[in-house]
Amino acid sequence: MKYALLAYSRGEAPEGGRSREMHPGIAAVLKRPEVTGYMRLEETDSATTVRFEGRKMLTDGPFVDSKEYLGGLIMVEAENLDDVLAIAVELQELDLSAAIEVRPVFEQELGGA
C-alpha cells in the first residue's frame, strides 16, 4: 500500500531561509527502497493561495491559521501501517521541530498525463 508522509515544520525558517542541504540522517532514510519519492517545498512566503469565498480570490502566501506549515511530501510503499509509522517516527526524531502526518494514498490512475 502507498502512504504519503506530510512533513510539517513549526515556526519560522532560519535566518536567510531554509538550507538547501538536508540533514544526513534524513537523506539516508529517503534513499531507502520503500521511499518511492519526496519533494521539499519552498518557503510559505513564495505561495499563492486560491480560495472561493463568494468570489474567486488570489492571495500571496498561504495565510492559514496555523503555527505549522507543510514543508514536504514523502511517498512510501509498505506492507502495513506499522512499517510506515516507524519511518515517520525516525524522521521526526531527526528533526524534533517537525510533525509527520501519515495518510494512506487513494490509488487511482492519473488522468491527462
N, C-alpha and C. Protein backbone atom coordinates (compact mmCIF):
# COMPACT_ATOMS: atom_id res chain seq x y z
N MET A 1 0.84 -1.18 0.00
CA MET A 1 0.00 0.00 0.00
C MET A 1 0.88 1.24 0.00
N LYS A 2 0.39 2.29 -0.61
CA LYS A 2 1.14 3.54 -0.67
C LYS A 2 0.64 4.50 0.41
N TYR A 3 1.60 5.22 0.97
CA TYR A 3 1.31 6.20 2.02
C TYR A 3 2.02 7.52 1.69
N ALA A 4 1.40 8.61 2.09
CA ALA A 4 2.03 9.92 2.00
C ALA A 4 2.40 10.36 3.41
N LEU A 5 3.64 10.76 3.59
CA LEU A 5 4.09 11.34 4.84
C LEU A 5 4.19 12.84 4.60
N LEU A 6 3.35 13.60 5.26
CA LEU A 6 3.33 15.05 5.11
C LEU A 6 4.17 15.64 6.25
N ALA A 7 5.26 16.28 5.89
CA ALA A 7 6.19 16.80 6.88
C ALA A 7 5.89 18.27 7.16
N TYR A 8 5.49 18.55 8.39
CA TYR A 8 5.18 19.91 8.81
C TYR A 8 6.30 20.45 9.68
N SER A 9 6.51 21.75 9.59
CA SER A 9 7.52 22.40 10.40
C SER A 9 6.85 23.47 11.23
N ARG A 10 7.38 23.70 12.42
CA ARG A 10 6.86 24.73 13.31
C ARG A 10 7.72 25.97 13.20
N GLY A 11 7.09 27.10 13.38
CA GLY A 11 7.84 28.34 13.49
C GLY A 11 8.37 28.85 12.18
N GLU A 12 9.28 29.76 12.30
CA GLU A 12 9.85 30.45 11.15
C GLU A 12 11.07 29.72 10.63
N ALA A 13 11.37 29.95 9.38
CA ALA A 13 12.59 29.40 8.78
C ALA A 13 13.79 30.10 9.40
N PRO A 14 14.95 29.45 9.43
CA PRO A 14 16.14 30.10 9.95
C PRO A 14 16.49 31.35 9.15
N GLU A 15 17.26 32.23 9.77
CA GLU A 15 17.71 33.45 9.10
C GLU A 15 18.34 33.10 7.76
N GLY A 16 17.90 33.78 6.71
CA GLY A 16 18.44 33.51 5.39
C GLY A 16 17.73 32.39 4.66
N GLY A 17 16.63 31.85 5.23
CA GLY A 17 15.86 30.80 4.56
C GLY A 17 16.34 29.41 4.93
N ARG A 18 15.60 28.44 4.48
CA ARG A 18 15.91 27.05 4.76
C ARG A 18 17.14 26.63 3.99
N SER A 19 17.96 25.84 4.62
CA SER A 19 19.17 25.35 3.99
C SER A 19 18.82 24.39 2.87
N ARG A 20 19.56 24.46 1.78
CA ARG A 20 19.37 23.51 0.68
C ARG A 20 19.93 22.15 1.05
N GLU A 21 20.84 22.14 2.03
CA GLU A 21 21.42 20.88 2.46
C GLU A 21 20.47 20.18 3.41
N MET A 22 20.37 18.87 3.24
CA MET A 22 19.48 18.07 4.06
C MET A 22 20.28 17.40 5.17
N HIS A 23 19.65 17.24 6.32
CA HIS A 23 20.26 16.51 7.43
C HIS A 23 20.69 15.13 6.91
N PRO A 24 21.94 14.69 7.17
CA PRO A 24 22.41 13.41 6.64
C PRO A 24 21.54 12.22 7.03
N GLY A 25 21.01 12.21 8.24
CA GLY A 25 20.15 11.12 8.67
C GLY A 25 18.86 11.06 7.89
N ILE A 26 18.29 12.23 7.60
CA ILE A 26 17.06 12.29 6.81
C ILE A 26 17.35 11.84 5.38
N ALA A 27 18.47 12.30 4.83
CA ALA A 27 18.85 11.89 3.47
C ALA A 27 19.00 10.37 3.38
N ALA A 28 19.55 9.75 4.41
CA ALA A 28 19.72 8.29 4.42
C ALA A 28 18.36 7.58 4.43
N VAL A 29 17.41 8.09 5.20
CA VAL A 29 16.07 7.49 5.24
C VAL A 29 15.41 7.61 3.86
N LEU A 30 15.57 8.76 3.21
CA LEU A 30 14.93 8.99 1.93
C LEU A 30 15.52 8.14 0.80
N LYS A 31 16.70 7.57 1.00
CA LYS A 31 17.33 6.71 -0.01
C LYS A 31 16.88 5.26 0.09
N ARG A 32 16.10 4.92 1.10
CA ARG A 32 15.65 3.54 1.27
C ARG A 32 14.70 3.13 0.13
N PRO A 33 14.69 1.84 -0.21
CA PRO A 33 13.86 1.40 -1.35
C PRO A 33 12.36 1.58 -1.15
N GLU A 34 11.88 1.56 0.09
CA GLU A 34 10.44 1.75 0.32
C GLU A 34 10.00 3.20 0.15
N VAL A 35 10.96 4.12 0.15
CA VAL A 35 10.65 5.53 -0.10
C VAL A 35 10.70 5.73 -1.62
N THR A 36 9.53 5.95 -2.21
CA THR A 36 9.44 5.98 -3.67
C THR A 36 9.58 7.38 -4.25
N GLY A 37 9.61 8.39 -3.41
CA GLY A 37 9.80 9.76 -3.89
C GLY A 37 9.57 10.75 -2.77
N TYR A 38 10.10 11.94 -2.95
CA TYR A 38 9.87 13.00 -1.98
C TYR A 38 10.05 14.35 -2.66
N MET A 39 9.43 15.36 -2.08
CA MET A 39 9.56 16.73 -2.56
C MET A 39 9.64 17.66 -1.36
N ARG A 40 10.59 18.57 -1.41
CA ARG A 40 10.65 19.64 -0.41
C ARG A 40 10.00 20.87 -1.02
N LEU A 41 9.22 21.55 -0.23
CA LEU A 41 8.53 22.75 -0.71
C LEU A 41 9.32 24.00 -0.36
N GLU A 42 9.20 25.01 -1.21
CA GLU A 42 9.79 26.30 -0.91
C GLU A 42 9.07 26.92 0.29
N GLU A 43 9.62 27.96 0.81
CA GLU A 43 9.04 28.63 1.99
C GLU A 43 7.63 29.15 1.69
N THR A 44 6.84 29.32 2.74
CA THR A 44 5.45 29.73 2.58
C THR A 44 5.30 31.11 1.96
N ASP A 45 6.29 31.98 2.09
CA ASP A 45 6.15 33.31 1.51
C ASP A 45 6.21 33.28 -0.02
N SER A 46 6.54 32.13 -0.61
CA SER A 46 6.54 32.01 -2.07
C SER A 46 5.21 31.47 -2.60
N ALA A 47 4.27 31.18 -1.71
CA ALA A 47 3.00 30.56 -2.10
C ALA A 47 1.98 31.58 -2.58
N THR A 48 1.06 31.11 -3.38
CA THR A 48 -0.14 31.85 -3.76
C THR A 48 -1.32 30.94 -3.46
N THR A 49 -2.33 31.47 -2.84
CA THR A 49 -3.49 30.67 -2.45
C THR A 49 -4.71 31.08 -3.27
N VAL A 50 -5.44 30.09 -3.74
CA VAL A 50 -6.69 30.31 -4.47
C VAL A 50 -7.83 29.87 -3.56
N ARG A 51 -8.79 30.74 -3.33
CA ARG A 51 -9.94 30.44 -2.48
C ARG A 51 -11.21 30.90 -3.17
N PHE A 52 -12.32 30.36 -2.72
CA PHE A 52 -13.62 30.86 -3.15
C PHE A 52 -14.40 31.22 -1.90
N GLU A 53 -14.64 32.49 -1.72
CA GLU A 53 -15.43 33.00 -0.59
C GLU A 53 -16.47 33.96 -1.15
N GLY A 54 -17.42 33.37 -1.89
CA GLY A 54 -18.42 34.19 -2.56
C GLY A 54 -17.93 34.70 -3.90
N ARG A 55 -16.62 34.75 -4.06
CA ARG A 55 -15.98 35.12 -5.33
C ARG A 55 -14.57 34.52 -5.30
N LYS A 56 -13.97 34.40 -6.46
CA LYS A 56 -12.62 33.86 -6.52
C LYS A 56 -11.64 34.86 -5.95
N MET A 57 -10.72 34.37 -5.15
CA MET A 57 -9.73 35.25 -4.54
C MET A 57 -8.35 34.64 -4.71
N LEU A 58 -7.37 35.45 -5.07
CA LEU A 58 -5.96 35.06 -5.11
C LEU A 58 -5.22 35.90 -4.09
N THR A 59 -4.45 35.25 -3.23
CA THR A 59 -3.67 35.98 -2.24
C THR A 59 -2.24 35.47 -2.24
N ASP A 60 -1.30 36.32 -1.93
CA ASP A 60 0.09 35.90 -1.76
C ASP A 60 0.18 35.16 -0.44
N GLY A 61 0.94 34.08 -0.44
CA GLY A 61 1.15 33.33 0.79
C GLY A 61 -0.05 32.48 1.14
N PRO A 62 0.17 31.52 2.01
CA PRO A 62 -0.92 30.64 2.39
C PRO A 62 -1.88 31.29 3.37
N PHE A 63 -1.37 32.13 4.26
CA PHE A 63 -2.18 32.80 5.27
C PHE A 63 -3.17 31.86 5.93
N VAL A 64 -2.72 30.70 6.28
CA VAL A 64 -3.57 29.77 7.01
C VAL A 64 -3.43 30.05 8.49
N ASP A 65 -4.46 29.74 9.24
CA ASP A 65 -4.44 29.97 10.67
C ASP A 65 -3.79 28.78 11.35
N SER A 66 -2.46 28.72 11.26
CA SER A 66 -1.74 27.56 11.78
C SER A 66 -0.35 27.98 12.21
N LYS A 67 0.18 27.26 13.20
CA LYS A 67 1.54 27.52 13.65
C LYS A 67 2.52 26.60 12.94
N GLU A 68 2.01 25.69 12.12
CA GLU A 68 2.85 24.77 11.37
C GLU A 68 2.59 24.98 9.89
N TYR A 69 3.58 24.67 9.07
CA TYR A 69 3.39 24.77 7.63
C TYR A 69 3.95 23.51 6.98
N LEU A 70 3.33 23.13 5.86
CA LEU A 70 3.75 21.95 5.12
C LEU A 70 5.09 22.23 4.45
N GLY A 71 6.08 21.42 4.79
CA GLY A 71 7.42 21.63 4.24
C GLY A 71 7.81 20.62 3.19
N GLY A 72 7.09 19.50 3.14
CA GLY A 72 7.43 18.50 2.14
C GLY A 72 6.50 17.30 2.17
N LEU A 73 6.67 16.45 1.17
CA LEU A 73 5.85 15.27 0.99
C LEU A 73 6.77 14.10 0.68
N ILE A 74 6.58 13.00 1.38
CA ILE A 74 7.40 11.80 1.19
C ILE A 74 6.45 10.65 0.87
N MET A 75 6.71 9.95 -0.22
CA MET A 75 5.88 8.81 -0.61
C MET A 75 6.58 7.53 -0.19
N VAL A 76 5.81 6.64 0.46
CA VAL A 76 6.35 5.38 0.96
C VAL A 76 5.43 4.25 0.53
N GLU A 77 6.02 3.15 0.11
CA GLU A 77 5.25 1.95 -0.18
C GLU A 77 5.63 0.90 0.85
N ALA A 78 4.63 0.37 1.56
CA ALA A 78 4.90 -0.56 2.65
C ALA A 78 3.77 -1.58 2.77
N GLU A 79 4.08 -2.68 3.42
CA GLU A 79 3.10 -3.75 3.63
C GLU A 79 2.01 -3.34 4.62
N ASN A 80 2.39 -2.52 5.62
CA ASN A 80 1.41 -2.17 6.65
C ASN A 80 1.73 -0.83 7.27
N LEU A 81 0.77 -0.32 8.00
CA LEU A 81 0.89 1.00 8.63
C LEU A 81 2.03 1.04 9.64
N ASP A 82 2.24 -0.04 10.38
CA ASP A 82 3.31 -0.04 11.39
C ASP A 82 4.68 0.24 10.77
N ASP A 83 4.95 -0.31 9.59
CA ASP A 83 6.22 -0.07 8.92
C ASP A 83 6.38 1.41 8.55
N VAL A 84 5.29 2.00 8.11
CA VAL A 84 5.32 3.42 7.72
C VAL A 84 5.47 4.31 8.96
N LEU A 85 4.78 3.96 10.02
CA LEU A 85 4.88 4.74 11.25
C LEU A 85 6.30 4.70 11.81
N ALA A 86 7.00 3.58 11.66
CA ALA A 86 8.39 3.50 12.12
C ALA A 86 9.26 4.49 11.36
N ILE A 87 9.03 4.63 10.06
CA ILE A 87 9.78 5.61 9.26
C ILE A 87 9.43 7.02 9.71
N ALA A 88 8.16 7.29 9.92
CA ALA A 88 7.72 8.63 10.35
C ALA A 88 8.33 9.00 11.69
N VAL A 89 8.37 8.06 12.63
CA VAL A 89 8.96 8.31 13.94
C VAL A 89 10.45 8.61 13.79
N GLU A 90 11.12 7.84 12.96
CA GLU A 90 12.56 8.07 12.75
C GLU A 90 12.82 9.45 12.16
N LEU A 91 12.04 9.84 11.18
CA LEU A 91 12.20 11.18 10.59
C LEU A 91 11.92 12.27 11.61
N GLN A 92 10.88 12.09 12.41
CA GLN A 92 10.53 13.11 13.41
C GLN A 92 11.63 13.22 14.45
N GLU A 93 12.22 12.11 14.85
CA GLU A 93 13.30 12.15 15.84
C GLU A 93 14.54 12.85 15.29
N LEU A 94 14.74 12.82 13.97
CA LEU A 94 15.87 13.51 13.36
C LEU A 94 15.64 15.01 13.27
N ASP A 95 14.38 15.43 13.29
CA ASP A 95 14.03 16.86 13.26
C ASP A 95 12.89 17.08 14.24
N LEU A 96 13.22 17.38 15.47
CA LEU A 96 12.22 17.49 16.53
C LEU A 96 11.24 18.64 16.32
N SER A 97 11.57 19.56 15.39
CA SER A 97 10.64 20.66 15.12
C SER A 97 9.55 20.22 14.14
N ALA A 98 9.67 19.00 13.62
CA ALA A 98 8.73 18.54 12.60
C ALA A 98 7.59 17.73 13.21
N ALA A 99 6.49 17.73 12.50
CA ALA A 99 5.38 16.82 12.76
C ALA A 99 5.16 16.07 11.46
N ILE A 100 4.97 14.78 11.54
CA ILE A 100 4.79 13.97 10.34
C ILE A 100 3.38 13.39 10.36
N GLU A 101 2.59 13.77 9.38
CA GLU A 101 1.24 13.22 9.22
C GLU A 101 1.32 12.07 8.22
N VAL A 102 0.79 10.91 8.60
CA VAL A 102 0.82 9.73 7.74
C VAL A 102 -0.59 9.48 7.23
N ARG A 103 -0.71 9.40 5.89
CA ARG A 103 -2.03 9.16 5.30
C ARG A 103 -1.93 8.15 4.18
N PRO A 104 -2.84 7.17 4.17
CA PRO A 104 -2.89 6.25 3.03
C PRO A 104 -3.24 7.03 1.77
N VAL A 105 -2.72 6.59 0.65
CA VAL A 105 -2.97 7.24 -0.62
C VAL A 105 -4.12 6.52 -1.33
N PHE A 106 -5.09 7.27 -1.76
CA PHE A 106 -6.19 6.73 -2.56
C PHE A 106 -5.63 6.49 -3.95
N GLU A 107 -5.43 5.24 -4.27
CA GLU A 107 -4.76 4.92 -5.53
C GLU A 107 -5.74 4.87 -6.68
N GLN A 108 -5.46 5.69 -7.68
CA GLN A 108 -6.21 5.66 -8.93
C GLN A 108 -5.28 6.19 -10.01
N GLU A 109 -5.58 5.82 -11.22
CA GLU A 109 -4.76 6.24 -12.35
C GLU A 109 -4.89 7.74 -12.55
N LEU A 110 -3.77 8.39 -12.79
CA LEU A 110 -3.79 9.82 -13.05
C LEU A 110 -4.31 10.07 -14.46
N GLY A 111 -5.12 11.07 -14.61
CA GLY A 111 -5.64 11.41 -15.94
C GLY A 111 -4.88 12.55 -16.55
N GLY A 112 -4.89 12.62 -17.85
CA GLY A 112 -4.33 13.76 -18.55
C GLY A 112 -2.82 13.77 -18.72
N ALA A 113 -2.13 12.79 -18.20
CA ALA A 113 -0.67 12.81 -18.31
C ALA A 113 -0.19 11.95 -19.44
